[in-house]
């Protein structure tokens, strides 16, 4: 994966988060009472998590680190390490 693809994935991640923010109701009742809002939130959260994991997996390969065994490992690695690929 090259820097252009990473930037595209980061932009997709930003769009997912923005979509959730723009459709988020002001309270839990608004969420539980609207199946369409629930679907938008779940779909975009799922996409965002997958994009994050894709980027993190690529970053670990690019920097010759051990491949993450789980999705959680990717999140921990981002918290712990500084990935050069994200500065591209």
PDB file of N, CA and C in Angstrom:
ATOM      1  N   UNK A   1       0.860  -1.179   0.000  1.00  0.00           N
ATOM      2  CA  UNK A   1       0.000   0.000   0.000  1.00  0.00           C
ATOM      3  C   UNK A   1       0.898   1.231   0.000  1.00  0.00           C
ATOM      4  N   UNK A   2       0.614   2.135  -0.875  1.00  0.00           N
ATOM      5  CA  UNK A   2       1.453   3.324  -0.957  1.00  0.00           C
ATOM      6  C   UNK A   2       0.809   4.499  -0.203  1.00  0.00           C
ATOM      7  N   UNK A   3       1.552   5.603  -0.057  1.00  0.00           N
ATOM      8  CA  UNK A   3       1.039   6.749   0.713  1.00  0.00           C
ATOM      9  C   UNK A   3      -0.277   7.306   0.175  1.00  0.00           C
ATOM     10  N   UNK A   4      -0.486   7.237  -1.118  1.00  0.00           N
ATOM     11  CA  UNK A   4      -1.742   7.737  -1.692  1.00  0.00           C
ATOM     12  C   UNK A   4      -2.918   6.913  -1.179  1.00  0.00           C
ATOM     13  N   UNK A   5      -2.740   5.616  -1.149  1.00  0.00           N
ATOM     14  CA  UNK A   5      -3.816   4.749  -0.649  1.00  0.00           C
ATOM     15  C   UNK A   5      -4.055   5.001   0.828  1.00  0.00           C
ATOM     16  N   UNK A   6      -2.987   5.181   1.602  1.00  0.00           N
ATOM     17  CA  UNK A   6      -3.147   5.471   3.029  1.00  0.00           C
ATOM     18  C   UNK A   6      -3.928   6.770   3.217  1.00  0.00           C
ATOM     19  N   UNK A   7      -3.573   7.795   2.455  1.00  0.00           N
ATOM     20  CA  UNK A   7      -4.307   9.073   2.549  1.00  0.00           C
ATOM     21  C   UNK A   7      -5.777   8.881   2.184  1.00  0.00           C
ATOM     22  N   UNK A   8      -6.046   8.074   1.159  1.00  0.00           N
ATOM     23  CA  UNK A   8      -7.429   7.814   0.774  1.00  0.00           C
ATOM     24  C   UNK A   8      -8.186   7.089   1.879  1.00  0.00           C
ATOM     25  N   UNK A   9      -7.523   6.128   2.506  1.00  0.00           N
ATOM     26  CA  UNK A   9      -8.166   5.408   3.617  1.00  0.00           C
ATOM     27  C   UNK A   9      -8.416   6.350   4.801  1.00  0.00           C
ATOM     28  N   UNK A  10      -7.463   7.236   5.078  1.00  0.00           N
ATOM     29  CA  UNK A  10      -7.660   8.206   6.149  1.00  0.00           C
ATOM     30  C   UNK A  10      -8.828   9.145   5.835  1.00  0.00           C
ATOM     31  N   UNK A  11      -8.938   9.547   4.594  1.00  0.00           N
ATOM     32  CA  UNK A  11     -10.063  10.403   4.196  1.00  0.00           C
ATOM     33  C   UNK A  11     -11.390   9.656   4.327  1.00  0.00           C
ATOM     34  N   UNK A  12     -11.418   8.402   3.954  1.00  0.00           N
ATOM     35  CA  UNK A  12     -12.628   7.588   4.131  1.00  0.00           C
ATOM     36  C   UNK A  12     -12.981   7.463   5.607  1.00  0.00           C
ATOM     37  N   UNK A  13     -11.961   7.292   6.434  1.00  0.00           N
ATOM     38  CA  UNK A  13     -12.173   7.217   7.875  1.00  0.00           C
ATOM     39  C   UNK A  13     -12.775   8.523   8.394  1.00  0.00           C
ATOM     40  N   UNK A  14     -12.252   9.646   7.946  1.00  0.00           N
ATOM     41  CA  UNK A  14     -12.801  10.948   8.354  1.00  0.00           C
ATOM     42  C   UNK A  14     -14.268  11.093   7.929  1.00  0.00           C
ATOM     43  N   UNK A  15     -14.575  10.628   6.723  1.00  0.00           N
ATOM     44  CA  UNK A  15     -15.965  10.713   6.247  1.00  0.00           C
ATOM     45  C   UNK A  15     -16.899   9.856   7.095  1.00  0.00           C
ATOM     46  N   UNK A  16     -16.452   8.678   7.490  1.00  0.00           N
ATOM     47  CA  UNK A  16     -17.272   7.815   8.351  1.00  0.00           C
ATOM     48  C   UNK A  16     -17.576   8.512   9.677  1.00  0.00           C
ATOM     49  N   UNK A  17     -16.551   9.075  10.284  1.00  0.00           N
ATOM     50  CA  UNK A  17     -16.734   9.763  11.563  1.00  0.00           C
ATOM     51  C   UNK A  17     -17.640  10.981  11.391  1.00  0.00           C
ATOM     52  N   UNK A  18     -17.442  11.725  10.325  1.00  0.00           N
ATOM     53  CA  UNK A  18     -18.284  12.899  10.068  1.00  0.00           C
ATOM     54  C   UNK A  18     -19.739  12.498   9.882  1.00  0.00           C
ATOM     55  N   UNK A  19     -19.980  11.404   9.186  1.00  0.00           N
ATOM     56  CA  UNK A  19     -21.358  10.936   8.957  1.00  0.00           C
ATOM     57  C   UNK A  19     -22.021  10.569  10.277  1.00  0.00           C
ATOM     58  N   UNK A  20     -21.288   9.919  11.142  1.00  0.00           N
ATOM     59  CA  UNK A  20     -21.830   9.571  12.460  1.00  0.00           C
ATOM     60  C   UNK A  20     -22.148  10.848  13.231  1.00  0.00           C
ATOM     61  N   UNK A  21     -21.217  11.790  13.232  1.00  0.00           N
ATOM     62  CA  UNK A  21     -21.422  13.040  13.975  1.00  0.00           C
ATOM     63  C   UNK A  21     -22.617  13.826  13.446  1.00  0.00           C
ATOM     64  N   UNK A  22     -22.775  13.878  12.130  1.00  0.00           N
ATOM     65  CA  UNK A  22     -23.875  14.672  11.577  1.00  0.00           C
ATOM     66  C   UNK A  22     -25.236  14.037  11.808  1.00  0.00           C
ATOM     67  N   UNK A  23     -25.277  12.717  11.962  1.00  0.00           N
ATOM     68  CA  UNK A  23     -26.560  12.032  12.157  1.00  0.00           C
ATOM     69  C   UNK A  23     -26.841  11.653  13.609  1.00  0.00           C
ATOM     70  N   UNK A  24     -25.888  11.877  14.497  1.00  0.00           N
ATOM     71  CA  UNK A  24     -26.058  11.491  15.900  1.00  0.00           C
ATOM     72  C   UNK A  24     -27.142  12.342  16.561  1.00  0.00           C
ATOM     73  N   UNK A  25     -28.095  11.696  17.193  1.00  0.00           N
ATOM     74  CA  UNK A  25     -29.125  12.447  17.904  1.00  0.00           C
ATOM     75  C   UNK A  25     -28.552  13.034  19.198  1.00  0.00           C
ATOM     76  N   UNK A  26     -29.237  14.004  19.770  1.00  0.00           N
ATOM     77  CA  UNK A  26     -28.717  14.645  20.981  1.00  0.00           C
ATOM     78  C   UNK A  26     -28.784  13.773  22.230  1.00  0.00           C
ATOM     79  N   UNK A  27     -29.566  12.704  22.168  1.00  0.00           N
ATOM     80  CA  UNK A  27     -29.693  11.841  23.352  1.00  0.00           C
ATOM     81  C   UNK A  27     -29.908  10.386  22.938  1.00  0.00           C
ATOM     82  N   UNK A  28     -29.823   9.498  23.905  1.00  0.00           N
ATOM     83  CA  UNK A  28     -29.965   8.061  23.654  1.00  0.00           C
ATOM     84  C   UNK A  28     -31.361   7.730  23.139  1.00  0.00           C
ATOM     85  N   UNK A  29     -32.362   8.417  23.628  1.00  0.00           N
ATOM     86  CA  UNK A  29     -33.733   8.147  23.183  1.00  0.00           C
ATOM     87  C   UNK A  29     -33.863   8.371  21.675  1.00  0.00           C
ATOM     88  N   UNK A  30     -33.199   9.374  21.170  1.00  0.00           N
ATOM     89  CA  UNK A  30     -33.228   9.623  19.739  1.00  0.00           C
ATOM     90  C   UNK A  30     -32.572   8.512  18.944  1.00  0.00           C
ATOM     91  N   UNK A  31     -31.573   7.892  19.523  1.00  0.00           N
ATOM     92  CA  UNK A  31     -30.897   6.776  18.863  1.00  0.00           C
ATOM     93  C   UNK A  31     -31.746   5.512  18.927  1.00  0.00           C
ATOM     94  N   UNK A  32     -32.243   5.203  20.094  1.00  0.00           N
ATOM     95  CA  UNK A  32     -33.010   3.965  20.252  1.00  0.00           C
ATOM     96  C   UNK A  32     -34.342   4.018  19.527  1.00  0.00           C
ATOM     97  N   UNK A  33     -34.845   5.211  19.283  1.00  0.00           N
ATOM     98  CA  UNK A  33     -36.139   5.339  18.625  1.00  0.00           C
ATOM     99  C   UNK A  33     -36.076   5.481  17.119  1.00  0.00           C
ATOM    100  N   UNK A  34     -34.894   5.461  16.542  1.00  0.00           N
ATOM    101  CA  UNK A  34     -34.777   5.683  15.103  1.00  0.00           C
ATOM    102  C   UNK A  34     -33.875   4.617  14.475  1.00  0.00           C
ATOM    103  N   UNK A  35     -34.476   3.588  13.885  1.00  0.00           N
ATOM    104  CA  UNK A  35     -33.671   2.511  13.294  1.00  0.00           C
ATOM    105  C   UNK A  35     -32.762   2.983  12.158  1.00  0.00           C
ATOM    106  N   UNK A  36     -33.158   4.026  11.436  1.00  0.00           N
ATOM    107  CA  UNK A  36     -32.304   4.532  10.365  1.00  0.00           C
ATOM    108  C   UNK A  36     -31.023   5.142  10.922  1.00  0.00           C
ATOM    109  N   UNK A  37     -31.141   5.885  12.003  1.00  0.00           N
ATOM    110  CA  UNK A  37     -29.954   6.465  12.641  1.00  0.00           C
ATOM    111  C   UNK A  37     -29.066   5.352  13.190  1.00  0.00           C
ATOM    112  N   UNK A  38     -29.678   4.329  13.758  1.00  0.00           N
ATOM    113  CA  UNK A  38     -28.909   3.187  14.243  1.00  0.00           C
ATOM    114  C   UNK A  38     -28.127   2.532  13.108  1.00  0.00           C
ATOM    115  N   UNK A  39     -28.780   2.341  11.968  1.00  0.00           N
ATOM    116  CA  UNK A  39     -28.116   1.731  10.823  1.00  0.00           C
ATOM    117  C   UNK A  39     -26.946   2.581  10.327  1.00  0.00           C
ATOM    118  N   UNK A  40     -27.154   3.879  10.256  1.00  0.00           N
ATOM    119  CA  UNK A  40     -26.082   4.782   9.820  1.00  0.00           C
ATOM    120  C   UNK A  40     -24.898   4.695  10.779  1.00  0.00           C
ATOM    121  N   UNK A  41     -25.190   4.695  12.071  1.00  0.00           N
ATOM    122  CA  UNK A  41     -24.119   4.625  13.071  1.00  0.00           C
ATOM    123  C   UNK A  41     -23.367   3.300  12.985  1.00  0.00           C
ATOM    124  N   UNK A  42     -24.094   2.194  12.936  1.00  0.00           N
ATOM    125  CA  UNK A  42     -23.451   0.882  12.899  1.00  0.00           C
ATOM    126  C   UNK A  42     -22.622   0.709  11.627  1.00  0.00           C
ATOM    127  N   UNK A  43     -23.188   1.067  10.498  1.00  0.00           N
ATOM    128  CA  UNK A  43     -22.476   0.922   9.236  1.00  0.00           C
ATOM    129  C   UNK A  43     -21.187   1.744   9.225  1.00  0.00           C
ATOM    130  N   UNK A  44     -21.280   2.983   9.645  1.00  0.00           N
ATOM    131  CA  UNK A  44     -20.100   3.849   9.609  1.00  0.00           C
ATOM    132  C   UNK A  44     -19.089   3.496  10.683  1.00  0.00           C
ATOM    133  N   UNK A  45     -19.530   3.035  11.838  1.00  0.00           N
ATOM    134  CA  UNK A  45     -18.585   2.553  12.854  1.00  0.00           C
ATOM    135  C   UNK A  45     -17.845   1.314  12.354  1.00  0.00           C
ATOM    136  N   UNK A  46     -18.576   0.413  11.733  1.00  0.00           N
ATOM    137  CA  UNK A  46     -17.954  -0.797  11.190  1.00  0.00           C
ATOM    138  C   UNK A  46     -16.931  -0.439  10.127  1.00  0.00           C
ATOM    139  N   UNK A  47     -17.306   0.446   9.231  1.00  0.00           N
ATOM    140  CA  UNK A  47     -16.366   0.881   8.188  1.00  0.00           C
ATOM    141  C   UNK A  47     -15.140   1.562   8.798  1.00  0.00           C
ATOM    142  N   UNK A  48     -15.365   2.430   9.772  1.00  0.00           N
ATOM    143  CA  UNK A  48     -14.258   3.158  10.393  1.00  0.00           C
ATOM    144  C   UNK A  48     -13.286   2.203  11.076  1.00  0.00           C
ATOM    145  N   UNK A  49     -13.817   1.235  11.784  1.00  0.00           N
ATOM    146  CA  UNK A  49     -12.955   0.262  12.464  1.00  0.00           C
ATOM    147  C   UNK A  49     -12.144  -0.522  11.449  1.00  0.00           C
ATOM    148  N   UNK A  50     -12.779  -0.957  10.363  1.00  0.00           N
ATOM    149  CA  UNK A  50     -12.062  -1.728   9.356  1.00  0.00           C
ATOM    150  C   UNK A  50     -10.976  -0.890   8.686  1.00  0.00           C
ATOM    151  N   UNK A  51     -11.282   0.362   8.385  1.00  0.00           N
ATOM    152  CA  UNK A  51     -10.273   1.244   7.797  1.00  0.00           C
ATOM    153  C   UNK A  51      -9.091   1.434   8.745  1.00  0.00           C
ATOM    154  N   UNK A  52      -9.376   1.645  10.018  1.00  0.00           N
ATOM    155  CA  UNK A  52      -8.338   1.829  11.028  1.00  0.00           C
ATOM    156  C   UNK A  52      -7.443   0.592  11.101  1.00  0.00           C
ATOM    157  N   UNK A  53      -8.069  -0.582  11.098  1.00  0.00           N
ATOM    158  CA  UNK A  53      -7.315  -1.833  11.158  1.00  0.00           C
ATOM    159  C   UNK A  53      -6.485  -2.028   9.889  1.00  0.00           C
ATOM    160  N   UNK A  54      -7.074  -1.708   8.730  1.00  0.00           N
ATOM    161  CA  UNK A  54      -6.320  -1.812   7.472  1.00  0.00           C
ATOM    162  C   UNK A  54      -5.076  -0.928   7.502  1.00  0.00           C
ATOM    163  N   UNK A  55      -5.245   0.303   7.940  1.00  0.00           N
ATOM    164  CA  UNK A  55      -4.120   1.239   7.998  1.00  0.00           C
ATOM    165  C   UNK A  55      -3.074   0.739   8.992  1.00  0.00           C
ATOM    166  N   UNK A  56      -3.514   0.295  10.138  1.00  0.00           N
ATOM    167  CA  UNK A  56      -2.578  -0.198  11.155  1.00  0.00           C
ATOM    168  C   UNK A  56      -1.841  -1.446  10.720  1.00  0.00           C
ATOM    169  N   UNK A  57      -2.534  -2.341  10.043  1.00  0.00           N
ATOM    170  CA  UNK A  57      -1.875  -3.552   9.546  1.00  0.00           C
ATOM    171  C   UNK A  57      -0.815  -3.198   8.517  1.00  0.00           C
ATOM    172  N   UNK A  58      -1.156  -2.273   7.644  1.00  0.00           N
ATOM    173  CA  UNK A  58      -0.182  -1.824   6.651  1.00  0.00           C
ATOM    174  C   UNK A  58       1.016  -1.156   7.333  1.00  0.00           C
ATOM    175  N   UNK A  59       0.734  -0.332   8.312  1.00  0.00           N
ATOM    176  CA  UNK A  59       1.815   0.370   9.009  1.00  0.00           C
ATOM    177  C   UNK A  59       2.775  -0.614   9.660  1.00  0.00           C
ATOM    178  N   UNK A  60       2.239  -1.647  10.280  1.00  0.00           N
ATOM    179  CA  UNK A  60       3.125  -2.616  10.937  1.00  0.00           C
ATOM    180  C   UNK A  60       3.987  -3.352   9.904  1.00  0.00           C
ATOM    181  N   UNK A  61       3.411  -3.653   8.742  1.00  0.00           N
ATOM    182  CA  UNK A  61       4.194  -4.314   7.683  1.00  0.00           C
ATOM    183  C   UNK A  61       5.249  -3.364   7.123  1.00  0.00           C
ATOM    184  N   UNK A  62       4.871  -2.125   6.929  1.00  0.00           N
ATOM    185  CA  UNK A  62       5.795  -1.145   6.354  1.00  0.00           C
ATOM    186  C   UNK A  62       6.987  -0.884   7.254  1.00  0.00           C
ATOM    187  N   UNK A  63       6.796  -1.038   8.531  1.00  0.00           N
ATOM    188  CA  UNK A  63       7.867  -0.752   9.483  1.00  0.00           C
ATOM    189  C   UNK A  63       8.494  -2.030  10.039  1.00  0.00           C
ATOM    190  N   UNK A  64       8.222  -3.146   9.358  1.00  0.00           N
ATOM    191  CA  UNK A  64       8.802  -4.444   9.735  1.00  0.00           C
ATOM    192  C   UNK A  64       8.525  -4.827  11.184  1.00  0.00           C
ATOM    193  N   UNK A  65       7.328  -4.504  11.650  1.00  0.00           N
ATOM    194  CA  UNK A  65       6.912  -4.920  12.990  1.00  0.00           C
ATOM    195  C   UNK A  65       6.137  -6.222  12.877  1.00  0.00           C
ATOM    196  N   UNK A  66       5.993  -6.900  13.971  1.00  0.00           N
ATOM    197  CA  UNK A  66       5.213  -8.140  13.966  1.00  0.00           C
ATOM    198  C   UNK A  66       3.782  -7.838  13.546  1.00  0.00           C
ATOM    199  N   UNK A  67       3.230  -8.707  12.743  1.00  0.00           N
ATOM    200  CA  UNK A  67       1.850  -8.522  12.296  1.00  0.00           C
ATOM    201  C   UNK A  67       0.907  -8.636  13.487  1.00  0.00           C
ATOM    202  N   UNK A  68      -0.057  -7.735  13.594  1.00  0.00           N
ATOM    203  CA  UNK A  68      -1.026  -7.815  14.684  1.00  0.00           C
ATOM    204  C   UNK A  68      -1.835  -9.104  14.576  1.00  0.00           C
ATOM    205  N   UNK A  69      -2.031  -9.778  15.697  1.00  0.00           N
ATOM    206  CA  UNK A  69      -2.790 -11.027  15.705  1.00  0.00           C
ATOM    207  C   UNK A  69      -4.293 -10.771  15.767  1.00  0.00           C
ATOM    208  N   UNK A  70      -4.671  -9.646  16.344  1.00  0.00           N
ATOM    209  CA  UNK A  70      -6.091  -9.322  16.487  1.00  0.00           C
ATOM    210  C   UNK A  70      -6.321  -7.860  16.121  1.00  0.00           C
ATOM    211  N   UNK A  71      -7.573  -7.522  15.937  1.00  0.00           N
ATOM    212  CA  UNK A  71      -7.906  -6.124  15.684  1.00  0.00           C
ATOM    213  C   UNK A  71      -7.499  -5.273  16.885  1.00  0.00           C
ATOM    214  N   UNK A  72      -7.676  -5.798  18.070  1.00  0.00           N
ATOM    215  CA  UNK A  72      -7.285  -5.083  19.276  1.00  0.00           C
ATOM    216  C   UNK A  72      -5.798  -4.769  19.303  1.00  0.00           C
ATOM    217  N   UNK A  73      -5.002  -5.685  18.772  1.00  0.00           N
ATOM    218  CA  UNK A  73      -3.554  -5.453  18.710  1.00  0.00           C
ATOM    219  C   UNK A  73      -3.228  -4.237  17.858  1.00  0.00           C
ATOM    220  N   UNK A  74      -4.002  -4.011  16.798  1.00  0.00           N
ATOM    221  CA  UNK A  74      -3.777  -2.842  15.951  1.00  0.00           C
ATOM    222  C   UNK A  74      -4.019  -1.567  16.752  1.00  0.00           C
ATOM    223  N   UNK A  75      -5.111  -1.531  17.504  1.00  0.00           N
ATOM    224  CA  UNK A  75      -5.418  -0.354  18.312  1.00  0.00           C
ATOM    225  C   UNK A  75      -4.333  -0.113  19.358  1.00  0.00           C
ATOM    226  N   UNK A  76      -3.859  -1.177  19.984  1.00  0.00           N
ATOM    227  CA  UNK A  76      -2.797  -1.040  20.978  1.00  0.00           C
ATOM    228  C   UNK A  76      -1.507  -0.543  20.332  1.00  0.00           C
ATOM    229  N   UNK A  77      -1.202  -1.024  19.146  1.00  0.00           N
ATOM    230  CA  UNK A  77       0.018  -0.592  18.460  1.00  0.00           C
ATOM    231  C   UNK A  77      -0.050   0.888  18.107  1.00  0.00           C
ATOM    232  N   UNK A  78      -1.219   1.357  17.651  1.00  0.00           N
ATOM    233  CA  UNK A  78      -1.357   2.781  17.353  1.00  0.00           C
ATOM    234  C   UNK A  78      -1.156   3.622  18.612  1.00  0.00           C
ATOM    235  N   UNK A  79      -1.644   3.127  19.710  1.00  0.00           N
ATOM    236  CA  UNK A  79      -1.510   3.866  20.962  1.00  0.00           C
ATOM    237  C   UNK A  79      -0.047   3.903  21.406  1.00  0.00           C
ATOM    238  N   UNK A  80       0.669   2.842  21.171  1.00  0.00           N
ATOM    239  CA  UNK A  80       2.029   2.675  21.673  1.00  0.00           C
ATOM    240  C   UNK A  80       3.092   3.214  20.718  1.00  0.00           C
ATOM    241  N   UNK A  81       2.890   3.027  19.420  1.00  0.00           N
ATOM    242  CA  UNK A  81       3.930   3.297  18.430  1.00  0.00           C
ATOM    243  C   UNK A  81       3.590   4.521  17.580  1.00  0.00           C
ATOM    244  N   UNK A  82       4.607   5.050  16.987  1.00  0.00           N
ATOM    245  CA  UNK A  82       4.444   6.141  16.023  1.00  0.00           C
ATOM    246  C   UNK A  82       4.724   5.566  14.646  1.00  0.00           C
ATOM    247  N   UNK A  83       3.715   5.567  13.780  1.00  0.00           N
ATOM    248  CA  UNK A  83       3.858   4.971  12.459  1.00  0.00           C
ATOM    249  C   UNK A  83       4.248   6.005  11.422  1.00  0.00           C
ATOM    250  N   UNK A  84       5.357   5.760  10.759  1.00  0.00           N
ATOM    251  CA  UNK A  84       5.839   6.643   9.705  1.00  0.00           C
ATOM    252  C   UNK A  84       4.829   6.751   8.564  1.00  0.00           C
ATOM    253  N   UNK A  85       4.153   5.677   8.246  1.00  0.00           N
ATOM    254  CA  UNK A  85       3.224   5.663   7.123  1.00  0.00           C
ATOM    255  C   UNK A  85       2.106   6.697   7.301  1.00  0.00           C
ATOM    256  N   UNK A  86       1.776   7.040   8.512  1.00  0.00           N
ATOM    257  CA  UNK A  86       0.698   7.993   8.754  1.00  0.00           C
ATOM    258  C   UNK A  86       1.166   9.433   8.540  1.00  0.00           C
ATOM    259  N   UNK A  87       2.447   9.631   8.414  1.00  0.00           N
ATOM    260  CA  UNK A  87       2.976  10.963   8.152  1.00  0.00           C
ATOM    261  C   UNK A  87       3.149  11.217   6.661  1.00  0.00           C
ATOM    262  N   UNK A  88       2.801  10.226   5.859  1.00  0.00           N
ATOM    263  CA  UNK A  88       2.983  10.334   4.408  1.00  0.00           C
ATOM    264  C   UNK A  88       2.030  11.350   3.799  1.00  0.00           C
TER     265      UNK A  88
END
